[in-house]
PDB file of N, CA and C in Angstrom:
ATOM      1  N   UNK A   1      15.826 194.725 -79.560  1.00  0.00           N
ATOM      2  CA  UNK A   1      14.750 194.082 -80.310  1.00  0.00           C
ATOM      3  C   UNK A   1      13.796 195.161 -80.835  1.00  0.00           C
ATOM      4  N   UNK A   2      13.544 195.125 -82.115  1.00  0.00           N
ATOM      5  CA  UNK A   2      12.697 196.137 -82.747  1.00  0.00           C
ATOM      6  C   UNK A   2      11.225 195.879 -82.446  1.00  0.00           C
ATOM      7  N   UNK A   3      10.453 196.952 -82.440  1.00  0.00           N
ATOM      8  CA  UNK A   3       9.001 196.838 -82.278  1.00  0.00           C
ATOM      9  C   UNK A   3       8.386 196.546 -83.642  1.00  0.00           C
ATOM     10  N   UNK A   4       7.264 195.829 -83.623  1.00  0.00           N
ATOM     11  CA  UNK A   4       6.596 195.505 -84.884  1.00  0.00           C
ATOM     12  C   UNK A   4       6.258 196.763 -85.675  1.00  0.00           C
ATOM     13  N   UNK A   5       5.959 197.857 -84.989  1.00  0.00           N
ATOM     14  CA  UNK A   5       5.607 199.100 -85.678  1.00  0.00           C
ATOM     15  C   UNK A   5       6.784 199.656 -86.480  1.00  0.00           C
ATOM     16  N   UNK A   6       8.006 199.211 -86.162  1.00  0.00           N
ATOM     17  CA  UNK A   6       9.193 199.667 -86.883  1.00  0.00           C
ATOM     18  C   UNK A   6       9.573 198.739 -88.037  1.00  0.00           C
ATOM     19  N   UNK A   7       8.913 197.599 -88.153  1.00  0.00           N
ATOM     20  CA  UNK A   7       9.232 196.617 -89.189  1.00  0.00           C
ATOM     21  C   UNK A   7       8.793 197.112 -90.566  1.00  0.00           C
ATOM     22  N   UNK A   8       9.528 196.674 -91.583  1.00  0.00           N
ATOM     23  CA  UNK A   8       9.091 196.906 -92.963  1.00  0.00           C
ATOM     24  C   UNK A   8       8.031 195.848 -93.293  1.00  0.00           C
ATOM     25  N   UNK A   9       7.325 196.027 -94.403  1.00  0.00           N
ATOM     26  CA  UNK A   9       6.317 195.051 -94.823  1.00  0.00           C
ATOM     27  C   UNK A   9       6.973 193.678 -95.011  1.00  0.00           C
ATOM     28  N   UNK A  10       8.168 193.659 -95.590  1.00  0.00           N
ATOM     29  CA  UNK A  10       8.870 192.399 -95.813  1.00  0.00           C
ATOM     30  C   UNK A  10       9.215 191.724 -94.485  1.00  0.00           C
ATOM     31  N   UNK A  11       9.662 192.510 -93.511  1.00  0.00           N
ATOM     32  CA  UNK A  11       9.988 191.953 -92.195  1.00  0.00           C
ATOM     33  C   UNK A  11       8.736 191.415 -91.505  1.00  0.00           C
ATOM     34  N   UNK A  12       7.620 192.125 -91.659  1.00  0.00           N
ATOM     35  CA  UNK A  12       6.363 191.664 -91.073  1.00  0.00           C
ATOM     36  C   UNK A  12       5.942 190.330 -91.686  1.00  0.00           C
ATOM     37  N   UNK A  13       6.059 190.216 -93.007  1.00  0.00           N
ATOM     38  CA  UNK A  13       5.693 188.962 -93.680  1.00  0.00           C
ATOM     39  C   UNK A  13       6.594 187.814 -93.225  1.00  0.00           C
ATOM     40  N   UNK A  14       7.873 188.107 -93.077  1.00  0.00           N
ATOM     41  CA  UNK A  14       8.830 187.096 -92.608  1.00  0.00           C
ATOM     42  C   UNK A  14       8.474 186.655 -91.181  1.00  0.00           C
ATOM     43  N   UNK A  15       8.183 187.626 -90.329  1.00  0.00           N
ATOM     44  CA  UNK A  15       7.807 187.328 -88.946  1.00  0.00           C
ATOM     45  C   UNK A  15       6.517 186.503 -88.909  1.00  0.00           C
ATOM     46  N   UNK A  16       5.546 186.845 -89.750  1.00  0.00           N
ATOM     47  CA  UNK A  16       4.304 186.077 -89.815  1.00  0.00           C
ATOM     48  C   UNK A  16       4.578 184.619 -90.167  1.00  0.00           C
ATOM     49  N   UNK A  17       5.441 184.414 -91.147  1.00  0.00           N
ATOM     50  CA  UNK A  17       5.802 183.052 -91.555  1.00  0.00           C
ATOM     51  C   UNK A  17       6.401 182.263 -90.402  1.00  0.00           C
ATOM     52  N   UNK A  18       7.303 182.896 -89.659  1.00  0.00           N
ATOM     53  CA  UNK A  18       7.939 182.238 -88.507  1.00  0.00           C
ATOM     54  C   UNK A  18       6.904 181.898 -87.439  1.00  0.00           C
ATOM     55  N   UNK A  19       6.023 182.858 -87.145  1.00  0.00           N
ATOM     56  CA  UNK A  19       5.018 182.642 -86.101  1.00  0.00           C
ATOM     57  C   UNK A  19       4.030 181.538 -86.478  1.00  0.00           C
ATOM     58  N   UNK A  20       3.621 181.497 -87.741  1.00  0.00           N
ATOM     59  CA  UNK A  20       2.691 180.463 -88.204  1.00  0.00           C
ATOM     60  C   UNK A  20       3.360 179.086 -88.077  1.00  0.00           C
ATOM     61  N   UNK A  21       4.625 179.021 -88.445  1.00  0.00           N
ATOM     62  CA  UNK A  21       5.381 177.768 -88.334  1.00  0.00           C
ATOM     63  C   UNK A  21       5.496 177.332 -86.868  1.00  0.00           C
ATOM     64  N   UNK A  22       5.812 178.289 -85.992  1.00  0.00           N
ATOM     65  CA  UNK A  22       5.905 178.002 -84.554  1.00  0.00           C
ATOM     66  C   UNK A  22       4.570 177.513 -84.013  1.00  0.00           C
ATOM     67  N   UNK A  23       3.478 178.161 -84.451  1.00  0.00           N
ATOM     68  CA  UNK A  23       2.145 177.771 -83.994  1.00  0.00           C
ATOM     69  C   UNK A  23       1.819 176.345 -84.419  1.00  0.00           C
ATOM     70  N   UNK A  24       2.178 175.996 -85.668  1.00  0.00           N
ATOM     71  CA  UNK A  24       1.912 174.640 -86.158  1.00  0.00           C
ATOM     72  C   UNK A  24       2.669 173.604 -85.323  1.00  0.00           C
ATOM     73  N   UNK A  25       3.922 173.896 -84.995  1.00  0.00           N
ATOM     74  CA  UNK A  25       4.710 172.980 -84.163  1.00  0.00           C
ATOM     75  C   UNK A  25       4.092 172.845 -82.777  1.00  0.00           C
ATOM     76  N   UNK A  26       3.669 173.971 -82.202  1.00  0.00           N
ATOM     77  CA  UNK A  26       3.058 173.958 -80.872  1.00  0.00           C
ATOM     78  C   UNK A  26       1.750 173.157 -80.889  1.00  0.00           C
ATOM     79  N   UNK A  27       0.974 173.299 -81.975  1.00  0.00           N
ATOM     80  CA  UNK A  27      -0.271 172.531 -82.104  1.00  0.00           C
ATOM     81  C   UNK A  27       0.024 171.038 -82.146  1.00  0.00           C
ATOM     82  N   UNK A  28       1.047 170.661 -82.916  1.00  0.00           N
ATOM     83  CA  UNK A  28       1.418 169.249 -83.043  1.00  0.00           C
ATOM     84  C   UNK A  28       1.876 168.678 -81.707  1.00  0.00           C
ATOM     85  N   UNK A  29       2.502 169.520 -80.889  1.00  0.00           N
ATOM     86  CA  UNK A  29       3.003 169.068 -79.586  1.00  0.00           C
ATOM     87  C   UNK A  29       1.951 169.206 -78.489  1.00  0.00           C
ATOM     88  N   UNK A  30       0.784 169.735 -78.833  1.00  0.00           N
ATOM     89  CA  UNK A  30      -0.290 169.882 -77.868  1.00  0.00           C
ATOM     90  C   UNK A  30      -0.038 170.966 -76.835  1.00  0.00           C
ATOM     91  N   UNK A  31       0.764 171.958 -77.176  1.00  0.00           N
ATOM     92  CA  UNK A  31       1.081 173.065 -76.263  1.00  0.00           C
ATOM     93  C   UNK A  31       0.041 174.165 -76.410  1.00  0.00           C
ATOM     94  N   UNK A  32      -1.089 173.968 -75.753  1.00  0.00           N
ATOM     95  CA  UNK A  32      -2.256 174.833 -75.918  1.00  0.00           C
ATOM     96  C   UNK A  32      -1.959 176.291 -75.563  1.00  0.00           C
ATOM     97  N   UNK A  33      -1.283 176.524 -74.446  1.00  0.00           N
ATOM     98  CA  UNK A  33      -0.993 177.907 -74.034  1.00  0.00           C
ATOM     99  C   UNK A  33      -0.071 178.607 -75.028  1.00  0.00           C
ATOM    100  N   UNK A  34       0.907 177.874 -75.532  1.00  0.00           N
ATOM    101  CA  UNK A  34       1.825 178.456 -76.510  1.00  0.00           C
ATOM    102  C   UNK A  34       1.087 178.805 -77.804  1.00  0.00           C
ATOM    103  N   UNK A  35       0.153 177.940 -78.202  1.00  0.00           N
ATOM    104  CA  UNK A  35      -0.652 178.200 -79.404  1.00  0.00           C
ATOM    105  C   UNK A  35      -1.441 179.495 -79.216  1.00  0.00           C
ATOM    106  N   UNK A  36      -2.037 179.685 -78.041  1.00  0.00           N
ATOM    107  CA  UNK A  36      -2.827 180.884 -77.748  1.00  0.00           C
ATOM    108  C   UNK A  36      -1.964 182.142 -77.843  1.00  0.00           C
ATOM    109  N   UNK A  37      -0.772 182.088 -77.265  1.00  0.00           N
ATOM    110  CA  UNK A  37       0.147 183.235 -77.303  1.00  0.00           C
ATOM    111  C   UNK A  37       0.565 183.536 -78.738  1.00  0.00           C
ATOM    112  N   UNK A  38       0.892 182.502 -79.496  1.00  0.00           N
ATOM    113  CA  UNK A  38       1.316 182.700 -80.886  1.00  0.00           C
ATOM    114  C   UNK A  38       0.167 183.227 -81.745  1.00  0.00           C
ATOM    115  N   UNK A  39      -1.061 182.771 -81.478  1.00  0.00           N
ATOM    116  CA  UNK A  39      -2.233 183.298 -82.204  1.00  0.00           C
ATOM    117  C   UNK A  39      -2.338 184.804 -81.998  1.00  0.00           C
ATOM    118  N   UNK A  40      -2.173 185.245 -80.752  1.00  0.00           N
ATOM    119  CA  UNK A  40      -2.273 186.674 -80.431  1.00  0.00           C
ATOM    120  C   UNK A  40      -1.168 187.449 -81.156  1.00  0.00           C
ATOM    121  N   UNK A  41       0.038 186.912 -81.168  1.00  0.00           N
ATOM    122  CA  UNK A  41       1.142 187.578 -81.877  1.00  0.00           C
ATOM    123  C   UNK A  41       0.846 187.671 -83.373  1.00  0.00           C
ATOM    124  N   UNK A  42       0.299 186.603 -83.929  1.00  0.00           N
ATOM    125  CA  UNK A  42      -0.057 186.596 -85.352  1.00  0.00           C
ATOM    126  C   UNK A  42      -1.094 187.677 -85.632  1.00  0.00           C
ATOM    127  N   UNK A  43      -2.087 187.821 -84.746  1.00  0.00           N
ATOM    128  CA  UNK A  43      -3.107 188.860 -84.917  1.00  0.00           C
ATOM    129  C   UNK A  43      -2.484 190.255 -84.905  1.00  0.00           C
ATOM    130  N   UNK A  44      -1.538 190.474 -83.995  1.00  0.00           N
ATOM    131  CA  UNK A  44      -0.889 191.784 -83.882  1.00  0.00           C
ATOM    132  C   UNK A  44      -0.046 192.067 -85.124  1.00  0.00           C
ATOM    133  N   UNK A  45       0.788 191.108 -85.520  1.00  0.00           N
ATOM    134  CA  UNK A  45       1.640 191.313 -86.696  1.00  0.00           C
ATOM    135  C   UNK A  45       0.778 191.536 -87.937  1.00  0.00           C
ATOM    136  N   UNK A  46      -0.272 190.753 -88.087  1.00  0.00           N
ATOM    137  CA  UNK A  46      -1.180 190.921 -89.234  1.00  0.00           C
ATOM    138  C   UNK A  46      -1.791 192.317 -89.225  1.00  0.00           C
ATOM    139  N   UNK A  47      -2.121 192.827 -88.045  1.00  0.00           N
ATOM    140  CA  UNK A  47      -2.703 194.173 -87.945  1.00  0.00           C
ATOM    141  C   UNK A  47      -1.755 195.231 -88.498  1.00  0.00           C
ATOM    142  N   UNK A  48      -0.462 195.044 -88.293  1.00  0.00           N
ATOM    143  CA  UNK A  48       0.513 196.009 -88.808  1.00  0.00           C
ATOM    144  C   UNK A  48       0.630 195.962 -90.325  1.00  0.00           C
ATOM    145  N   UNK A  49       0.093 194.909 -90.967  1.00  0.00           N
ATOM    146  CA  UNK A  49       0.121 194.856 -92.434  1.00  0.00           C
ATOM    147  C   UNK A  49      -1.119 195.515 -93.035  1.00  0.00           C
ATOM    148  N   UNK A  50      -2.056 195.916 -92.168  1.00  0.00           N
ATOM    149  CA  UNK A  50      -3.302 196.554 -92.626  1.00  0.00           C
ATOM    150  C   UNK A  50      -3.212 198.066 -92.467  1.00  0.00           C
ATOM    151  N   UNK A  51      -4.105 198.767 -93.138  1.00  0.00           N
ATOM    152  CA  UNK A  51      -4.142 200.224 -93.062  1.00  0.00           C
ATOM    153  C   UNK A  51      -5.239 200.642 -92.082  1.00  0.00           C
ATOM    154  N   UNK A  52      -4.859 201.169 -90.904  1.00  0.00           N
ATOM    155  CA  UNK A  52      -5.869 201.550 -89.911  1.00  0.00           C
ATOM    156  C   UNK A  52      -6.881 202.569 -90.428  1.00  0.00           C
ATOM    157  N   UNK A  53      -6.502 203.373 -91.424  1.00  0.00           N
ATOM    158  CA  UNK A  53      -7.434 204.394 -91.928  1.00  0.00           C
ATOM    159  C   UNK A  53      -8.609 203.772 -92.691  1.00  0.00           C
ATOM    160  N   UNK A  54      -8.542 202.481 -92.981  1.00  0.00           N
ATOM    161  CA  UNK A  54      -9.655 201.795 -93.643  1.00  0.00           C
ATOM    162  C   UNK A  54     -10.763 201.444 -92.651  1.00  0.00           C
ATOM    163  N   UNK A  55     -10.505 201.671 -91.362  1.00  0.00           N
ATOM    164  CA  UNK A  55     -11.477 201.378 -90.313  1.00  0.00           C
ATOM    165  C   UNK A  55     -11.890 202.702 -89.678  1.00  0.00           C
ATOM    166  N   UNK A  56     -13.192 202.959 -89.636  1.00  0.00           N
ATOM    167  CA  UNK A  56     -13.690 204.257 -89.187  1.00  0.00           C
ATOM    168  C   UNK A  56     -14.605 204.112 -87.973  1.00  0.00           C
ATOM    169  N   UNK A  57     -14.604 205.152 -87.141  1.00  0.00           N
ATOM    170  CA  UNK A  57     -15.524 205.207 -86.004  1.00  0.00           C
ATOM    171  C   UNK A  57     -16.948 205.100 -86.517  1.00  0.00           C
ATOM    172  N   UNK A  58     -17.789 204.440 -85.765  1.00  0.00           N
ATOM    173  CA  UNK A  58     -19.207 204.212 -86.065  1.00  0.00           C
ATOM    174  C   UNK A  58     -19.431 203.087 -87.071  1.00  0.00           C
ATOM    175  N   UNK A  59     -18.380 202.578 -87.728  1.00  0.00           N
ATOM    176  CA  UNK A  59     -18.537 201.436 -88.626  1.00  0.00           C
ATOM    177  C   UNK A  59     -18.732 200.175 -87.790  1.00  0.00           C
ATOM    178  N   UNK A  60     -19.482 199.244 -88.337  1.00  0.00           N
ATOM    179  CA  UNK A  60     -19.667 197.939 -87.702  1.00  0.00           C
ATOM    180  C   UNK A  60     -19.090 196.885 -88.636  1.00  0.00           C
ATOM    181  N   UNK A  61     -18.292 195.986 -88.064  1.00  0.00           N
ATOM    182  CA  UNK A  61     -17.640 194.926 -88.837  1.00  0.00           C
ATOM    183  C   UNK A  61     -17.984 193.561 -88.263  1.00  0.00           C
ATOM    184  N   UNK A  62     -17.970 192.565 -89.143  1.00  0.00           N
ATOM    185  CA  UNK A  62     -18.046 191.194 -88.674  1.00  0.00           C
ATOM    186  C   UNK A  62     -16.770 190.912 -87.883  1.00  0.00           C
ATOM    187  N   UNK A  63     -16.839 189.966 -86.956  1.00  0.00           N
ATOM    188  CA  UNK A  63     -15.638 189.558 -86.231  1.00  0.00           C
ATOM    189  C   UNK A  63     -15.113 188.264 -86.835  1.00  0.00           C
ATOM    190  N   UNK A  64     -13.837 188.262 -87.181  1.00  0.00           N
ATOM    191  CA  UNK A  64     -13.190 187.077 -87.716  1.00  0.00           C
ATOM    192  C   UNK A  64     -13.213 186.000 -86.622  1.00  0.00           C
ATOM    193  N   UNK A  65     -13.530 184.801 -86.983  1.00  0.00           N
ATOM    194  CA  UNK A  65     -13.555 183.654 -86.053  1.00  0.00           C
ATOM    195  C   UNK A  65     -14.624 183.768 -84.966  1.00  0.00           C
ATOM    196  N   UNK A  66     -15.587 184.672 -85.116  1.00  0.00           N
ATOM    197  CA  UNK A  66     -16.669 184.790 -84.136  1.00  0.00           C
ATOM    198  C   UNK A  66     -17.952 185.180 -84.868  1.00  0.00           C
ATOM    199  N   UNK A  67     -18.542 184.214 -85.588  1.00  0.00           N
ATOM    200  CA  UNK A  67     -19.718 184.531 -86.406  1.00  0.00           C
ATOM    201  C   UNK A  67     -20.935 184.989 -85.606  1.00  0.00           C
ATOM    202  N   UNK A  68     -20.950 184.814 -84.293  1.00  0.00           N
ATOM    203  CA  UNK A  68     -22.076 185.218 -83.475  1.00  0.00           C
ATOM    204  C   UNK A  68     -22.055 186.674 -83.056  1.00  0.00           C
ATOM    205  N   UNK A  69     -21.005 187.395 -83.448  1.00  0.00           N
ATOM    206  CA  UNK A  69     -20.879 188.788 -83.016  1.00  0.00           C
ATOM    207  C   UNK A  69     -20.361 189.688 -84.132  1.00  0.00           C
ATOM    208  N   UNK A  70     -20.785 190.939 -84.069  1.00  0.00           N
ATOM    209  CA  UNK A  70     -20.208 192.019 -84.862  1.00  0.00           C
ATOM    210  C   UNK A  70     -19.514 192.952 -83.881  1.00  0.00           C
ATOM    211  N   UNK A  71     -18.802 193.935 -84.415  1.00  0.00           N
ATOM    212  CA  UNK A  71     -18.060 194.871 -83.568  1.00  0.00           C
ATOM    213  C   UNK A  71     -18.263 196.279 -84.091  1.00  0.00           C
ATOM    214  N   UNK A  72     -18.803 197.167 -83.244  1.00  0.00           N
ATOM    215  CA  UNK A  72     -18.996 198.566 -83.632  1.00  0.00           C
ATOM    216  C   UNK A  72     -17.827 199.375 -83.093  1.00  0.00           C
ATOM    217  N   UNK A  73     -17.135 200.061 -83.996  1.00  0.00           N
ATOM    218  CA  UNK A  73     -15.937 200.818 -83.644  1.00  0.00           C
ATOM    219  C   UNK A  73     -16.318 202.173 -83.037  1.00  0.00           C
ATOM    220  N   UNK A  74     -15.731 202.471 -81.883  1.00  0.00           N
ATOM    221  CA  UNK A  74     -15.852 203.808 -81.296  1.00  0.00           C
ATOM    222  C   UNK A  74     -14.718 204.694 -81.814  1.00  0.00           C
ATOM    223  N   UNK A  75     -13.520 204.140 -81.812  1.00  0.00           N
ATOM    224  CA  UNK A  75     -12.358 204.858 -82.356  1.00  0.00           C
ATOM    225  C   UNK A  75     -11.225 203.883 -82.609  1.00  0.00           C
ATOM    226  N   UNK A  76     -10.265 204.339 -83.409  1.00  0.00           N
ATOM    227  CA  UNK A  76      -9.066 203.558 -83.738  1.00  0.00           C
ATOM    228  C   UNK A  76      -7.879 204.232 -83.063  1.00  0.00           C
ATOM    229  N   UNK A  77      -7.051 203.439 -82.416  1.00  0.00           N
ATOM    230  CA  UNK A  77      -5.812 203.934 -81.813  1.00  0.00           C
ATOM    231  C   UNK A  77      -4.695 203.012 -82.278  1.00  0.00           C
ATOM    232  N   UNK A  78      -3.926 203.480 -83.262  1.00  0.00           N
ATOM    233  CA  UNK A  78      -2.876 202.638 -83.847  1.00  0.00           C
ATOM    234  C   UNK A  78      -3.506 201.476 -84.589  1.00  0.00           C
ATOM    235  N   UNK A  79      -3.155 200.254 -84.167  1.00  0.00           N
ATOM    236  CA  UNK A  79      -3.707 199.054 -84.811  1.00  0.00           C
ATOM    237  C   UNK A  79      -4.864 198.461 -84.012  1.00  0.00           C
ATOM    238  N   UNK A  80      -5.298 199.184 -82.992  1.00  0.00           N
ATOM    239  CA  UNK A  80      -6.368 198.668 -82.134  1.00  0.00           C
ATOM    240  C   UNK A  80      -7.677 199.419 -82.400  1.00  0.00           C
ATOM    241  N   UNK A  81      -8.750 198.645 -82.500  1.00  0.00           N
ATOM    242  CA  UNK A  81     -10.094 199.212 -82.637  1.00  0.00           C
ATOM    243  C   UNK A  81     -10.770 199.106 -81.281  1.00  0.00           C
ATOM    244  N   UNK A  82     -11.225 200.236 -80.775  1.00  0.00           N
ATOM    245  CA  UNK A  82     -11.952 200.272 -79.510  1.00  0.00           C
ATOM    246  C   UNK A  82     -13.430 200.354 -79.824  1.00  0.00           C
ATOM    247  N   UNK A  83     -14.228 199.534 -79.146  1.00  0.00           N
ATOM    248  CA  UNK A  83     -15.651 199.558 -79.395  1.00  0.00           C
ATOM    249  C   UNK A  83     -16.387 198.511 -78.598  1.00  0.00           C
ATOM    250  N   UNK A  84     -17.533 198.095 -79.129  1.00  0.00           N
ATOM    251  CA  UNK A  84     -18.413 197.168 -78.427  1.00  0.00           C
ATOM    252  C   UNK A  84     -18.841 196.027 -79.345  1.00  0.00           C
ATOM    253  N   UNK A  85     -18.919 194.845 -78.756  1.00  0.00           N
ATOM    254  CA  UNK A  85     -19.471 193.689 -79.471  1.00  0.00           C
ATOM    255  C   UNK A  85     -20.984 193.825 -79.541  1.00  0.00           C
ATOM    256  N   UNK A  86     -21.538 193.272 -80.609  1.00  0.00           N
ATOM    257  CA  UNK A  86     -22.986 193.246 -80.803  1.00  0.00           C
ATOM    258  C   UNK A  86     -23.345 191.806 -81.142  1.00  0.00           C
ATOM    259  N   UNK A  87     -24.316 191.234 -80.404  1.00  0.00           N
ATOM    260  CA  UNK A  87     -24.679 189.842 -80.670  1.00  0.00           C
ATOM    261  C   UNK A  87     -25.705 189.750 -81.803  1.00  0.00           C
ATOM    262  N   UNK A  88     -26.125 188.533 -82.086  1.00  0.00           N
ATOM    263  CA  UNK A  88     -27.056 188.300 -83.205  1.00  0.00           C
ATOM    264  C   UNK A  88     -28.421 188.950 -83.009  1.00  0.00           C
ATOM    265  N   UNK A  89     -28.752 189.292 -81.770  1.00  0.00           N
ATOM    266  CA  UNK A  89     -30.026 189.950 -81.479  1.00  0.00           C
ATOM    267  C   UNK A  89     -29.889 191.475 -81.490  1.00  0.00           C
ATOM    268  N   UNK A  90     -28.750 191.961 -81.986  1.00  0.00           N
ATOM    269  CA  UNK A  90     -28.432 193.391 -82.030  1.00  0.00           C
ATOM    270  C   UNK A  90     -28.313 194.008 -80.638  1.00  0.00           C
ATOM    271  N   UNK A  91     -27.989 193.196 -79.634  1.00  0.00           N
ATOM    272  CA  UNK A  91     -27.758 193.704 -78.285  1.00  0.00           C
ATOM    273  C   UNK A  91     -26.292 194.104 -78.166  1.00  0.00           C
ATOM    274  N   UNK A  92     -26.069 195.355 -77.762  1.00  0.00           N
ATOM    275  CA  UNK A  92     -24.713 195.885 -77.634  1.00  0.00           C
ATOM    276  C   UNK A  92     -24.190 195.567 -76.240  1.00  0.00           C
ATOM    277  N   UNK A  93     -23.010 194.962 -76.169  1.00  0.00           N
ATOM    278  CA  UNK A  93     -22.386 194.665 -74.880  1.00  0.00           C
ATOM    279  C   UNK A  93     -21.948 195.967 -74.228  1.00  0.00           C
ATOM    280  N   UNK A  94     -22.116 196.051 -72.939  1.00  0.00           N
ATOM    281  CA  UNK A  94     -21.819 197.285 -72.202  1.00  0.00           C
ATOM    282  C   UNK A  94     -20.316 197.585 -72.149  1.00  0.00           C
ATOM    283  N   UNK A  95     -19.523 196.530 -72.008  1.00  0.00           N
ATOM    284  CA  UNK A  95     -18.082 196.710 -71.809  1.00  0.00           C
ATOM    285  C   UNK A  95     -17.376 197.070 -73.120  1.00  0.00           C
ATOM    286  N   UNK A  96     -16.656 198.198 -73.095  1.00  0.00           N
ATOM    287  CA  UNK A  96     -15.838 198.577 -74.241  1.00  0.00           C
ATOM    288  C   UNK A  96     -14.579 197.729 -74.224  1.00  0.00           C
ATOM    289  N   UNK A  97     -14.139 197.312 -75.408  1.00  0.00           N
ATOM    290  CA  UNK A  97     -12.914 196.518 -75.491  1.00  0.00           C
ATOM    291  C   UNK A  97     -12.093 196.945 -76.692  1.00  0.00           C
ATOM    292  N   UNK A  98     -10.827 196.558 -76.676  1.00  0.00           N
ATOM    293  CA  UNK A  98      -9.920 196.856 -77.782  1.00  0.00           C
ATOM    294  C   UNK A  98      -9.565 195.550 -78.481  1.00  0.00           C
ATOM    295  N   UNK A  99      -9.662 195.558 -79.797  1.00  0.00           N
ATOM    296  CA  UNK A  99      -9.303 194.393 -80.597  1.00  0.00           C
ATOM    297  C   UNK A  99      -8.313 194.812 -81.681  1.00  0.00           C
ATOM    298  N   UNK A 100      -7.351 193.951 -82.001  1.00  0.00           N
ATOM    299  CA  UNK A 100      -6.476 194.242 -83.146  1.00  0.00           C
ATOM    300  C   UNK A 100      -7.336 194.325 -84.415  1.00  0.00           C
ATOM    301  N   UNK A 101      -7.019 195.259 -85.291  1.00  0.00           N
ATOM    302  CA  UNK A 101      -7.844 195.435 -86.495  1.00  0.00           C
ATOM    303  C   UNK A 101      -7.847 194.200 -87.379  1.00  0.00           C
ATOM    304  N   UNK A 102      -6.884 193.300 -87.220  1.00  0.00           N
ATOM    305  CA  UNK A 102      -6.869 192.078 -88.020  1.00  0.00           C
ATOM    306  C   UNK A 102      -8.052 191.164 -87.688  1.00  0.00           C
ATOM    307  N   UNK A 103      -8.705 191.393 -86.541  1.00  0.00           N
ATOM    308  CA  UNK A 103      -9.866 190.580 -86.160  1.00  0.00           C
ATOM    309  C   UNK A 103     -11.165 191.124 -86.738  1.00  0.00           C
ATOM    310  N   UNK A 104     -11.095 192.290 -87.386  1.00  0.00           N
ATOM    311  CA  UNK A 104     -12.293 192.863 -87.991  1.00  0.00           C
ATOM    312  C   UNK A 104     -12.438 192.368 -89.418  1.00  0.00           C
ATOM    313  N   UNK A 105     -13.590 191.768 -89.685  1.00  0.00           N
ATOM    314  CA  UNK A 105     -13.846 191.242 -91.018  1.00  0.00           C
ATOM    315  C   UNK A 105     -14.563 192.269 -91.885  1.00  0.00           C
ATOM    316  N   UNK A 106     -15.441 191.776 -92.707  1.00  0.00           N
ATOM    317  CA  UNK A 106     -16.187 192.635 -93.625  1.00  0.00           C
ATOM    318  C   UNK A 106     -17.018 193.658 -92.876  1.00  0.00           C
ATOM    319  N   UNK A 107     -17.138 194.826 -93.483  1.00  0.00           N
ATOM    320  CA  UNK A 107     -17.992 195.872 -92.929  1.00  0.00           C
ATOM    321  C   UNK A 107     -19.443 195.447 -93.111  1.00  0.00           C
ATOM    322  N   UNK A 108     -20.244 195.632 -92.057  1.00  0.00           N
ATOM    323  CA  UNK A 108     -21.658 195.278 -92.083  1.00  0.00           C
ATOM    324  C   UNK A 108     -22.437 196.462 -92.622  1.00  0.00           C
ATOM    325  N   UNK A 109     -23.315 196.209 -93.556  1.00  0.00           N
ATOM    326  CA  UNK A 109     -24.136 197.283 -94.128  1.00  0.00           C
ATOM    327  C   UNK A 109     -25.170 197.741 -93.113  1.00  0.00           C
ATOM    328  N   UNK A 110     -25.307 199.038 -92.986  1.00  0.00           N
ATOM    329  CA  UNK A 110     -26.320 199.595 -92.067  1.00  0.00           C
ATOM    330  C   UNK A 110     -27.703 199.411 -92.670  1.00  0.00           C
ATOM    331  N   UNK A 111     -28.672 199.207 -91.809  1.00  0.00           N
ATOM    332  CA  UNK A 111     -30.064 199.030 -92.281  1.00  0.00           C
ATOM    333  C   UNK A 111     -30.638 200.327 -92.799  1.00  0.00           C
TER     334      UNK A 111
END
């Protein structure tokens, strides 16, 4: 079984289509855990369709599907952005975490 990092863009798009279809079926059947797993796979595959060099250390991005938080990047490792969440009060969370770059939305303008 090939790793997503070895897939061509066409293979990634095909895989995304399959995963989205699987997720829709799981949602219809009420399989909550399966939906969660498929969502994570979709995020990972989508990340491989993006260019990691478009994300830079010290940049802050909105978080997709989490309007209450932004994410400040410490560094990029492959398709993962390591950094800290920032809430609406500009409080930086202490715990560093890694997120697939597909979860990073628009870059936030610095004040």
